[in-house]
Amino acid sequence: MNTIEFRLERELHFRIDGEYSTGKLFVGDLTWQEDKRRWACHWSLAHVHPEVGRIYGADPLAALTATLDFLSGLIGGSEADGLVVWWKIDGDHGGLVFPQCEGQSWKEITPRK
């Protein structure tokens, strides 16, 4: 198995220098990269990085989660630079907010003995 084919897209809203626009967030196709000996997850984000990029991981799930984490940070950094990105409501960070992780609620879990 060298490719896991799938395509996830989300229509996002952007405000750039006061001008409104829409564009797609794309995540899809996990491919084994023999030269890197790692899995690659493909992605693109309109108005920020419209070219298809790759994020790598040791297995398909690692590549996918690394990509979602990267995109969350990319959107956050773009917003810090003045771009406004939203999915459903202004301020929702394109729907790529992971409150469980950002709140570090996993630290509150009592370890097993």
Protein backbone atom coordinates (compact mmCIF):
# COMPACT_ATOMS: atom_id res chain seq x y z
CA MET A 1 0.00 0.00 0.00
CA ASN A 2 1.74 3.17 -1.22
CA THR A 3 -1.21 5.59 -1.38
CA ILE A 4 -4.29 6.15 0.72
CA GLU A 5 -6.56 8.22 -1.49
CA PHE A 6 -8.95 10.70 0.09
CA ARG A 7 -9.82 14.35 -0.30
CA LEU A 8 -11.06 16.63 2.47
CA GLU A 9 -11.98 20.19 1.56
CA ARG A 10 -13.43 23.04 3.52
CA GLU A 11 -14.61 26.35 2.09
CA LEU A 12 -13.12 29.13 4.21
CA HIS A 13 -13.71 32.86 4.36
CA PHE A 14 -10.84 35.32 4.29
CA ARG A 15 -10.52 39.03 4.96
CA ILE A 16 -7.37 40.44 3.44
CA ASP A 17 -6.75 44.19 3.78
CA GLY A 18 -10.49 44.74 4.28
CA GLU A 19 -11.46 42.70 1.21
CA TYR A 20 -13.57 39.56 1.64
CA SER A 21 -12.88 36.38 -0.29
CA THR A 22 -13.41 32.64 -0.08
CA GLY A 23 -11.06 29.78 -0.77
CA LYS A 24 -10.44 26.14 -0.04
CA LEU A 25 -8.52 24.32 2.62
CA PHE A 26 -7.45 20.94 1.23
CA VAL A 27 -6.04 17.90 3.02
CA GLY A 28 -5.71 14.61 1.23
CA ASP A 29 -3.87 11.67 -0.16
CA LEU A 30 -1.35 10.02 2.09
CA THR A 31 1.55 8.61 0.11
CA TRP A 32 4.59 6.57 1.05
CA GLN A 33 7.74 8.47 0.06
CA GLU A 34 10.40 5.84 -0.45
CA ASP A 35 13.23 8.38 -0.71
CA LYS A 36 12.33 9.81 2.71
CA ARG A 37 11.15 6.51 4.19
CA ARG A 38 8.15 8.41 5.56
CA TRP A 39 4.49 9.02 4.77
CA ALA A 40 3.44 12.36 3.27
CA CYS A 41 0.08 14.09 3.71
CA HIS A 42 -0.78 16.64 1.02
CA TRP A 43 -2.38 19.99 1.82
CA SER A 44 -3.01 23.50 0.52
CA LEU A 45 -4.64 26.66 1.86
CA ALA A 46 -6.00 29.34 -0.48
CA HIS A 47 -4.51 32.83 -0.11
CA VAL A 48 -1.77 31.51 2.19
CA HIS A 49 -0.18 28.51 0.44
CA PRO A 50 -2.21 27.61 -2.68
CA GLU A 51 0.47 25.21 -3.89
CA VAL A 52 0.16 21.64 -2.65
CA GLY A 53 2.58 21.01 0.20
CA ARG A 54 3.52 17.89 2.14
CA ILE A 55 3.90 17.15 5.82
CA TYR A 56 5.63 13.92 6.81
CA GLY A 57 5.09 11.31 9.47
CA ALA A 58 6.28 7.84 10.44
CA ASP A 59 2.90 6.35 9.49
CA PRO A 60 -0.26 7.64 7.80
CA LEU A 61 -1.89 8.76 11.05
CA ALA A 62 1.24 10.63 12.15
CA ALA A 63 1.39 12.42 8.78
CA LEU A 64 -2.31 13.38 8.98
CA THR A 65 -2.18 14.66 12.58
CA ALA A 66 1.05 16.55 11.91
CA THR A 67 -0.64 18.19 8.92
CA LEU A 68 -3.69 19.28 10.93
CA ASP A 69 -1.43 20.61 13.68
CA PHE A 70 0.71 22.46 11.13
CA LEU A 71 -2.36 24.00 9.45
CA SER A 72 -3.71 25.19 12.80
CA GLY A 73 -0.40 26.93 13.47
CA LEU A 74 -0.19 28.31 9.94
CA ILE A 75 -3.65 29.85 10.23
CA GLY A 76 -2.83 31.24 13.67
CA GLY A 77 0.40 32.78 12.40
CA SER A 78 -1.37 34.24 9.38
CA GLU A 79 -4.00 35.74 11.66
CA ALA A 80 -1.25 37.26 13.80
CA ASP A 81 0.03 38.89 10.59
CA GLY A 82 -3.40 40.45 9.93
CA LEU A 83 -5.22 37.89 7.80
CA VAL A 84 -8.69 36.96 9.07
CA VAL A 85 -9.75 33.35 8.42
CA TRP A 86 -13.01 31.70 9.42
CA TRP A 87 -15.21 28.74 8.60
CA LYS A 88 -18.60 29.23 10.26
CA ILE A 89 -18.17 32.41 12.29
CA ASP A 90 -15.54 35.13 12.36
CA GLY A 91 -12.88 34.14 14.86
CA ASP A 92 -13.25 30.36 14.62
CA HIS A 93 -9.71 29.95 13.24
CA GLY A 94 -10.97 28.10 10.16
CA GLY A 95 -12.42 25.38 12.35
CA LEU A 96 -8.92 24.07 13.12
CA VAL A 97 -8.90 24.64 16.83
CA PHE A 98 -8.20 21.71 19.10
CA PRO A 99 -9.39 22.88 22.53
CA GLN A 100 -8.52 19.65 24.31
CA CYS A 101 -4.88 19.97 23.29
CA GLU A 102 -4.62 23.74 23.51
CA GLY A 103 -6.06 23.64 27.03
CA GLN A 104 -3.66 20.79 27.82
CA SER A 105 -6.49 18.93 29.54
CA TRP A 106 -4.53 15.74 28.95
CA LYS A 107 -2.21 16.82 31.77
CA GLU A 108 -5.13 16.50 34.19
CA ILE A 109 -5.52 12.79 33.55
CA THR A 110 -4.27 10.73 36.47
CA PRO A 111 -1.56 8.35 35.31
CA ARG A 112 -2.09 4.61 35.71
CA LYS A 113 -0.06 2.82 38.31
